[in-house]
C-alpha atoms as a PDB file:
ATOM      1  CA  UNK A   1       5.118  -6.381 -19.926  1.00  0.00           C
ATOM      2  CA  UNK A   2       2.736  -7.657 -17.338  1.00  0.00           C
ATOM      3  CA  UNK A   3      -0.828  -8.535 -18.258  1.00  0.00           C
ATOM      4  CA  UNK A   4      -3.615  -7.162 -16.055  1.00  0.00           C
ATOM      5  CA  UNK A   5      -7.096  -8.645 -16.140  1.00  0.00           C
ATOM      6  CA  UNK A   6     -10.049  -6.332 -15.464  1.00  0.00           C
ATOM      7  CA  UNK A   7     -11.319  -8.968 -13.011  1.00  0.00           C
ATOM      8  CA  UNK A   8      -8.197  -8.455 -10.876  1.00  0.00           C
ATOM      9  CA  UNK A   9      -8.453  -6.274  -7.792  1.00  0.00           C
ATOM     10  CA  UNK A  10      -6.988  -2.845  -7.284  1.00  0.00           C
ATOM     11  CA  UNK A  11      -6.837  -0.746  -4.150  1.00  0.00           C
ATOM     12  CA  UNK A  12      -8.395   2.711  -4.297  1.00  0.00           C
ATOM     13  CA  UNK A  13      -9.152   5.557  -1.917  1.00  0.00           C
ATOM     14  CA  UNK A  14     -12.668   6.893  -2.413  1.00  0.00           C
ATOM     15  CA  UNK A  15     -13.040  10.674  -2.220  1.00  0.00           C
ATOM     16  CA  UNK A  16     -15.894  12.493  -0.500  1.00  0.00           C
ATOM     17  CA  UNK A  17     -17.396  13.167  -3.937  1.00  0.00           C
ATOM     18  CA  UNK A  18     -17.098   9.453  -4.649  1.00  0.00           C
ATOM     19  CA  UNK A  19     -18.982   8.614  -1.452  1.00  0.00           C
ATOM     20  CA  UNK A  20     -21.780  10.995  -2.433  1.00  0.00           C
ATOM     21  CA  UNK A  21     -21.871   9.526  -5.932  1.00  0.00           C
ATOM     22  CA  UNK A  22     -22.139   5.978  -4.581  1.00  0.00           C
ATOM     23  CA  UNK A  23     -24.892   6.919  -2.146  1.00  0.00           C
ATOM     24  CA  UNK A  24     -26.878   8.542  -4.981  1.00  0.00           C
ATOM     25  CA  UNK A  25     -26.317   5.796  -7.561  1.00  0.00           C
ATOM     26  CA  UNK A  26     -26.247   2.483  -5.695  1.00  0.00           C
ATOM     27  CA  UNK A  27     -27.523   3.429  -2.235  1.00  0.00           C
ATOM     28  CA  UNK A  28     -26.310   3.060   1.298  1.00  0.00           C
ATOM     29  CA  UNK A  29     -27.120  -0.643   1.653  1.00  0.00           C
ATOM     30  CA  UNK A  30     -24.949  -1.545  -1.341  1.00  0.00           C
ATOM     31  CA  UNK A  31     -22.099   0.578   0.014  1.00  0.00           C
ATOM     32  CA  UNK A  32     -22.461  -1.008   3.454  1.00  0.00           C
ATOM     33  CA  UNK A  33     -22.492  -4.605   2.221  1.00  0.00           C
ATOM     34  CA  UNK A  34     -20.406  -4.535  -0.958  1.00  0.00           C
ATOM     35  CA  UNK A  35     -17.842  -1.772  -0.497  1.00  0.00           C
ATOM     36  CA  UNK A  36     -17.235  -1.060   3.196  1.00  0.00           C
ATOM     37  CA  UNK A  37     -16.498  -4.718   3.895  1.00  0.00           C
ATOM     38  CA  UNK A  38     -13.694  -4.481   1.300  1.00  0.00           C
ATOM     39  CA  UNK A  39     -11.893  -1.815   3.342  1.00  0.00           C
ATOM     40  CA  UNK A  40      -8.259  -2.396   4.264  1.00  0.00           C
ATOM     41  CA  UNK A  41      -5.829  -0.199   6.164  1.00  0.00           C
ATOM     42  CA  UNK A  42      -2.407   0.095   4.535  1.00  0.00           C
ATOM     43  CA  UNK A  43       0.208   2.358   6.141  1.00  0.00           C
ATOM     44  CA  UNK A  44      -2.517   3.982   8.280  1.00  0.00           C
ATOM     45  CA  UNK A  45      -4.581   4.888   5.190  1.00  0.00           C
ATOM     46  CA  UNK A  46      -7.982   3.488   4.252  1.00  0.00           C
ATOM     47  CA  UNK A  47      -8.086   1.683   0.923  1.00  0.00           C
ATOM     48  CA  UNK A  48     -10.808  -0.363  -0.753  1.00  0.00           C
ATOM     49  CA  UNK A  49      -9.937  -3.573  -2.574  1.00  0.00           C
ATOM     50  CA  UNK A  50     -12.286  -3.890  -5.542  1.00  0.00           C
ATOM     51  CA  UNK A  51     -12.203  -5.504  -8.948  1.00  0.00           C
ATOM     52  CA  UNK A  52     -11.049  -3.076 -11.605  1.00  0.00           C
ATOM     53  CA  UNK A  53     -14.204  -3.397 -13.706  1.00  0.00           C
ATOM     54  CA  UNK A  54     -16.353  -2.688 -10.631  1.00  0.00           C
ATOM     55  CA  UNK A  55     -14.421   0.523  -9.939  1.00  0.00           C
ATOM     56  CA  UNK A  56     -14.853   1.691 -13.529  1.00  0.00           C
ATOM     57  CA  UNK A  57     -18.596   0.943 -13.439  1.00  0.00           C
ATOM     58  CA  UNK A  58     -19.330   2.447 -10.003  1.00  0.00           C
ATOM     59  CA  UNK A  59     -16.824   5.306  -9.993  1.00  0.00           C
ATOM     60  CA  UNK A  60     -16.327   6.401 -13.601  1.00  0.00           C
ATOM     61  CA  UNK A  61     -13.750   9.044 -14.400  1.00  0.00           C
ATOM     62  CA  UNK A  62     -15.785  12.136 -15.284  1.00  0.00           C
ATOM     63  CA  UNK A  63     -14.932  14.802 -17.831  1.00  0.00           C
ATOM     64  CA  UNK A  64     -14.607  17.331 -15.025  1.00  0.00           C
ATOM     65  CA  UNK A  65     -11.994  17.991 -12.366  1.00  0.00           C
ATOM     66  CA  UNK A  66     -14.100  16.232  -9.715  1.00  0.00           C
ATOM     67  CA  UNK A  67     -12.602  12.786  -9.162  1.00  0.00           C
ATOM     68  CA  UNK A  68     -14.499  10.051  -7.374  1.00  0.00           C
ATOM     69  CA  UNK A  69     -11.353   8.288  -6.157  1.00  0.00           C
ATOM     70  CA  UNK A  70      -7.817   9.467  -5.592  1.00  0.00           C
ATOM     71  CA  UNK A  71      -5.397   9.219  -8.488  1.00  0.00           C
ATOM     72  CA  UNK A  72      -3.032   6.753  -6.814  1.00  0.00           C
ATOM     73  CA  UNK A  73      -4.031   3.105  -7.007  1.00  0.00           C
ATOM     74  CA  UNK A  74      -2.267   0.015  -5.711  1.00  0.00           C
ATOM     75  CA  UNK A  75      -1.989  -3.465  -7.152  1.00  0.00           C
ATOM     76  CA  UNK A  76      -1.470  -6.651  -5.213  1.00  0.00           C
ATOM     77  CA  UNK A  77       2.039  -8.058  -5.732  1.00  0.00           C
ATOM     78  CA  UNK A  78       0.701 -11.607  -6.144  1.00  0.00           C
END
């Protein structure tokens, strides 16, 4: 098995609902300075490289069918 630390980064794709959630909870300035600058394009798709614990705090998985980020995530191979 491979150990994964919650401080390690994952790549996620934020949904439209996730963008709305972030704007309402942390505000546009935070998104502009702390999330948008973490954007990377992989295979012509926009992904955001964030620490796992940050994703879980900012974009929690709700008890509804509305997801704040897409279900596929990527890990760095390093």
